[in-house]
Amino acid sequence: MPKKELEKSLDLKFNKTAVLITFHPVTLENSTAEEQFNALLQAIDEIKDCTLIFTKANSDKGGRIINQMIDDYVNKNKLKAVGFASLGQLRYLSTL
């Protein structure tokens, strides 16, 4: 999908750099999905001039918590972050 068409489909304008974030927590580890995702969000905060495109968790362990964290992050960072329950195959691969 061409960039302009993708931007229109996603209702966003890409910055210089874009990052697609799809998080699947490690299930057999001592730390929780919330701790893992919080560490990811802290690292992402260091990236400047970048569009952040989150895809939400499905039925992953801790998925509800992750989805709430995505919503909270997007609400606090509306100029650089968006979240989607699903992009579908074409938009996901085009975003990559």
N, C-alpha and C. Protein backbone atom coordinates (compact mmCIF):
# COMPACT_ATOMS: atom_id res chain seq x y z
N MET A 1 0.85 -1.17 0.00
CA MET A 1 0.00 0.00 0.00
C MET A 1 0.91 1.24 0.00
N PRO A 2 0.69 2.19 -0.89
CA PRO A 2 1.50 3.41 -0.93
C PRO A 2 1.38 4.22 0.37
N LYS A 3 2.43 4.96 0.69
CA LYS A 3 2.50 5.70 1.95
C LYS A 3 1.31 6.63 2.15
N LYS A 4 0.97 7.42 1.16
CA LYS A 4 -0.14 8.38 1.29
C LYS A 4 -1.46 7.66 1.57
N GLU A 5 -1.68 6.56 0.87
CA GLU A 5 -2.89 5.77 1.07
C GLU A 5 -2.91 5.16 2.47
N LEU A 6 -1.76 4.69 2.92
CA LEU A 6 -1.66 4.10 4.25
C LEU A 6 -1.93 5.16 5.32
N GLU A 7 -1.34 6.35 5.17
CA GLU A 7 -1.58 7.43 6.12
C GLU A 7 -3.07 7.77 6.19
N LYS A 8 -3.72 7.83 5.05
CA LYS A 8 -5.16 8.12 5.02
C LYS A 8 -5.94 7.00 5.71
N SER A 9 -5.59 5.75 5.43
CA SER A 9 -6.27 4.61 6.02
C SER A 9 -6.11 4.57 7.54
N LEU A 10 -4.93 4.96 8.02
CA LEU A 10 -4.64 4.94 9.46
C LEU A 10 -5.05 6.25 10.13
N ASP A 11 -5.40 7.27 9.33
CA ASP A 11 -5.76 8.59 9.82
C ASP A 11 -4.62 9.20 10.65
N LEU A 12 -3.42 9.17 10.07
CA LEU A 12 -2.26 9.77 10.72
C LEU A 12 -1.25 10.21 9.67
N LYS A 13 -0.34 11.07 10.09
CA LYS A 13 0.75 11.54 9.25
C LYS A 13 2.04 11.02 9.87
N PHE A 14 2.82 10.27 9.07
CA PHE A 14 4.07 9.73 9.58
C PHE A 14 5.10 10.84 9.81
N ASN A 15 5.81 10.76 10.91
CA ASN A 15 6.95 11.63 11.15
C ASN A 15 8.13 11.08 10.35
N LYS A 16 9.31 11.63 10.61
CA LYS A 16 10.53 11.19 9.92
C LYS A 16 10.73 9.69 10.07
N THR A 17 10.44 9.19 11.26
CA THR A 17 10.60 7.77 11.57
C THR A 17 9.28 7.24 12.12
N ALA A 18 9.00 5.98 11.86
CA ALA A 18 7.81 5.34 12.43
C ALA A 18 8.21 4.00 13.02
N VAL A 19 7.57 3.66 14.12
CA VAL A 19 7.83 2.39 14.79
C VAL A 19 6.50 1.67 14.97
N LEU A 20 6.45 0.43 14.52
CA LEU A 20 5.28 -0.42 14.72
C LEU A 20 5.56 -1.30 15.94
N ILE A 21 4.69 -1.22 16.93
CA ILE A 21 4.92 -1.92 18.19
C ILE A 21 3.85 -2.97 18.39
N THR A 22 4.26 -4.23 18.33
CA THR A 22 3.40 -5.37 18.60
C THR A 22 4.07 -6.15 19.73
N PHE A 23 3.45 -6.17 20.88
CA PHE A 23 4.07 -6.74 22.07
C PHE A 23 3.38 -8.04 22.47
N HIS A 24 4.17 -9.08 22.61
CA HIS A 24 3.69 -10.37 23.12
C HIS A 24 4.54 -10.69 24.35
N PRO A 25 3.93 -10.67 25.54
CA PRO A 25 4.71 -10.89 26.76
C PRO A 25 5.27 -12.30 26.85
N VAL A 26 6.40 -12.39 27.51
CA VAL A 26 6.99 -13.69 27.81
C VAL A 26 6.12 -14.34 28.88
N THR A 27 5.67 -15.56 28.63
CA THR A 27 4.72 -16.18 29.57
C THR A 27 5.40 -16.94 30.70
N LEU A 28 6.56 -17.49 30.47
CA LEU A 28 7.24 -18.28 31.50
C LEU A 28 8.41 -17.51 32.08
N GLU A 29 8.12 -16.37 32.66
CA GLU A 29 9.16 -15.51 33.23
C GLU A 29 8.63 -14.93 34.52
N ASN A 30 9.55 -14.57 35.40
CA ASN A 30 9.15 -14.04 36.70
C ASN A 30 8.49 -12.67 36.62
N SER A 31 8.95 -11.82 35.70
CA SER A 31 8.36 -10.49 35.61
C SER A 31 7.00 -10.57 34.92
N THR A 32 6.15 -9.62 35.24
CA THR A 32 4.80 -9.63 34.69
C THR A 32 4.77 -8.91 33.34
N ALA A 33 3.70 -9.12 32.60
CA ALA A 33 3.50 -8.43 31.33
C ALA A 33 3.50 -6.92 31.55
N GLU A 34 2.92 -6.49 32.66
CA GLU A 34 2.88 -5.06 32.98
C GLU A 34 4.29 -4.50 33.16
N GLU A 35 5.14 -5.22 33.88
CA GLU A 35 6.52 -4.77 34.08
C GLU A 35 7.28 -4.74 32.76
N GLN A 36 7.09 -5.78 31.95
CA GLN A 36 7.77 -5.85 30.65
C GLN A 36 7.34 -4.70 29.75
N PHE A 37 6.03 -4.46 29.68
CA PHE A 37 5.53 -3.41 28.79
C PHE A 37 5.90 -2.03 29.30
N ASN A 38 5.91 -1.85 30.61
CA ASN A 38 6.33 -0.58 31.18
C ASN A 38 7.78 -0.27 30.80
N ALA A 39 8.65 -1.27 30.82
CA ALA A 39 10.04 -1.08 30.41
C ALA A 39 10.11 -0.67 28.94
N LEU A 40 9.28 -1.28 28.11
CA LEU A 40 9.22 -0.91 26.69
C LEU A 40 8.78 0.54 26.52
N LEU A 41 7.74 0.95 27.23
CA LEU A 41 7.25 2.33 27.14
C LEU A 41 8.31 3.33 27.58
N GLN A 42 9.05 3.00 28.62
CA GLN A 42 10.13 3.89 29.08
C GLN A 42 11.19 4.05 28.00
N ALA A 43 11.53 2.96 27.33
CA ALA A 43 12.52 3.03 26.24
C ALA A 43 11.99 3.84 25.07
N ILE A 44 10.72 3.65 24.75
CA ILE A 44 10.10 4.37 23.63
C ILE A 44 10.08 5.87 23.89
N ASP A 45 9.92 6.28 25.14
CA ASP A 45 9.92 7.71 25.47
C ASP A 45 11.20 8.41 25.06
N GLU A 46 12.27 7.66 24.91
CA GLU A 46 13.56 8.25 24.52
C GLU A 46 13.62 8.58 23.02
N ILE A 47 12.72 8.02 22.23
CA ILE A 47 12.74 8.23 20.78
C ILE A 47 12.05 9.55 20.46
N LYS A 48 12.73 10.41 19.72
CA LYS A 48 12.17 11.71 19.35
C LYS A 48 11.79 11.72 17.87
N ASP A 49 10.86 12.60 17.51
CA ASP A 49 10.40 12.80 16.13
C ASP A 49 10.04 11.48 15.46
N CYS A 50 9.17 10.75 16.11
CA CYS A 50 8.83 9.41 15.64
C CYS A 50 7.34 9.14 15.83
N THR A 51 6.73 8.52 14.84
CA THR A 51 5.35 8.08 14.95
C THR A 51 5.35 6.69 15.57
N LEU A 52 4.57 6.50 16.63
CA LEU A 52 4.47 5.22 17.31
C LEU A 52 3.12 4.60 17.01
N ILE A 53 3.13 3.41 16.42
CA ILE A 53 1.91 2.73 16.04
C ILE A 53 1.82 1.43 16.83
N PHE A 54 0.89 1.39 17.78
CA PHE A 54 0.71 0.23 18.63
C PHE A 54 -0.39 -0.67 18.08
N THR A 55 -0.16 -1.98 18.13
CA THR A 55 -1.24 -2.94 17.93
C THR A 55 -1.51 -3.56 19.30
N LYS A 56 -2.78 -3.72 19.60
CA LYS A 56 -3.16 -4.21 20.93
C LYS A 56 -3.03 -5.72 21.04
N ALA A 57 -2.97 -6.15 22.30
CA ALA A 57 -2.84 -7.58 22.60
C ALA A 57 -4.16 -8.29 22.33
N ASN A 58 -4.05 -9.57 22.03
CA ASN A 58 -5.24 -10.40 21.86
C ASN A 58 -5.56 -11.02 23.21
N SER A 59 -5.53 -12.33 23.28
CA SER A 59 -5.82 -13.01 24.54
C SER A 59 -4.54 -13.40 25.27
N ASP A 60 -3.46 -12.68 25.00
CA ASP A 60 -2.20 -12.93 25.71
C ASP A 60 -2.42 -12.76 27.20
N LYS A 61 -1.63 -13.49 27.99
CA LYS A 61 -1.67 -13.31 29.43
C LYS A 61 -1.31 -11.86 29.73
N GLY A 62 -2.13 -11.17 30.47
CA GLY A 62 -1.89 -9.76 30.77
C GLY A 62 -2.36 -8.83 29.66
N GLY A 63 -3.06 -9.35 28.68
CA GLY A 63 -3.49 -8.56 27.54
C GLY A 63 -4.35 -7.36 27.90
N ARG A 64 -5.24 -7.53 28.85
CA ARG A 64 -6.10 -6.40 29.26
C ARG A 64 -5.27 -5.27 29.84
N ILE A 65 -4.29 -5.64 30.64
CA ILE A 65 -3.42 -4.63 31.24
C ILE A 65 -2.61 -3.92 30.16
N ILE A 66 -2.06 -4.69 29.23
CA ILE A 66 -1.29 -4.10 28.13
C ILE A 66 -2.15 -3.15 27.32
N ASN A 67 -3.37 -3.56 26.98
CA ASN A 67 -4.26 -2.71 26.20
C ASN A 67 -4.58 -1.42 26.92
N GLN A 68 -4.79 -1.50 28.23
CA GLN A 68 -5.05 -0.28 29.01
C GLN A 68 -3.83 0.62 29.02
N MET A 69 -2.64 0.03 29.12
CA MET A 69 -1.41 0.81 29.11
C MET A 69 -1.21 1.49 27.74
N ILE A 70 -1.56 0.79 26.68
CA ILE A 70 -1.49 1.38 25.34
C ILE A 70 -2.44 2.57 25.26
N ASP A 71 -3.68 2.37 25.68
CA ASP A 71 -4.66 3.46 25.65
C ASP A 71 -4.18 4.66 26.45
N ASP A 72 -3.66 4.42 27.64
CA ASP A 72 -3.16 5.51 28.49
C ASP A 72 -2.01 6.24 27.82
N TYR A 73 -1.07 5.47 27.25
CA TYR A 73 0.09 6.08 26.59
C TYR A 73 -0.34 6.92 25.39
N VAL A 74 -1.23 6.37 24.57
CA VAL A 74 -1.71 7.09 23.38
C VAL A 74 -2.43 8.37 23.80
N ASN A 75 -3.26 8.30 24.84
CA ASN A 75 -3.98 9.49 25.30
C ASN A 75 -3.04 10.59 25.79
N LYS A 76 -1.91 10.20 26.36
CA LYS A 76 -0.93 11.17 26.86
C LYS A 76 0.01 11.66 25.75
N ASN A 77 0.06 10.95 24.63
CA ASN A 77 1.01 11.26 23.55
C ASN A 77 0.31 11.30 22.20
N LYS A 78 -0.80 12.03 22.12
CA LYS A 78 -1.64 12.03 20.92
C LYS A 78 -0.93 12.55 19.67
N LEU A 79 0.10 13.35 19.84
CA LEU A 79 0.79 13.90 18.68
C LEU A 79 1.76 12.90 18.04
N LYS A 80 2.11 11.84 18.78
CA LYS A 80 3.08 10.90 18.22
C LYS A 80 2.66 9.44 18.28
N ALA A 81 1.54 9.13 18.96
CA ALA A 81 1.19 7.72 19.15
C ALA A 81 -0.27 7.44 18.81
N VAL A 82 -0.48 6.27 18.20
CA VAL A 82 -1.82 5.78 17.90
C VAL A 82 -1.88 4.30 18.27
N GLY A 83 -3.08 3.81 18.54
CA GLY A 83 -3.25 2.40 18.88
C GLY A 83 -4.39 1.80 18.10
N PHE A 84 -4.23 0.54 17.71
CA PHE A 84 -5.24 -0.17 16.94
C PHE A 84 -5.47 -1.55 17.54
N ALA A 85 -6.74 -1.95 17.61
CA ALA A 85 -7.05 -3.32 18.02
C ALA A 85 -6.51 -4.29 16.97
N SER A 86 -6.62 -3.90 15.71
CA SER A 86 -6.09 -4.71 14.61
C SER A 86 -5.88 -3.81 13.41
N LEU A 87 -4.79 -4.01 12.71
CA LEU A 87 -4.54 -3.29 11.47
C LEU A 87 -4.98 -4.10 10.26
N GLY A 88 -5.19 -5.39 10.45
CA GLY A 88 -5.44 -6.26 9.31
C GLY A 88 -4.10 -6.57 8.64
N GLN A 89 -4.08 -7.60 7.85
CA GLN A 89 -2.82 -8.06 7.25
C GLN A 89 -2.19 -7.02 6.32
N LEU A 90 -2.96 -6.44 5.41
CA LEU A 90 -2.40 -5.50 4.44
C LEU A 90 -1.84 -4.25 5.10
N ARG A 91 -2.61 -3.65 6.01
CA ARG A 91 -2.11 -2.43 6.66
C ARG A 91 -0.94 -2.74 7.60
N TYR A 92 -0.98 -3.90 8.26
CA TYR A 92 0.14 -4.28 9.14
C TYR A 92 1.42 -4.42 8.33
N LEU A 93 1.36 -5.19 7.25
CA LEU A 93 2.55 -5.39 6.43
C LEU A 93 2.98 -4.11 5.72
N SER A 94 2.05 -3.29 5.31
CA SER A 94 2.39 -2.01 4.69
C SER A 94 3.06 -1.08 5.68
N THR A 95 2.62 -1.11 6.93
CA THR A 95 3.23 -0.28 7.97
C THR A 95 4.66 -0.73 8.24
N LEU A 96 4.87 -2.05 8.20
CA LEU A 96 6.23 -2.55 8.38
C LEU A 96 7.14 -1.99 7.30
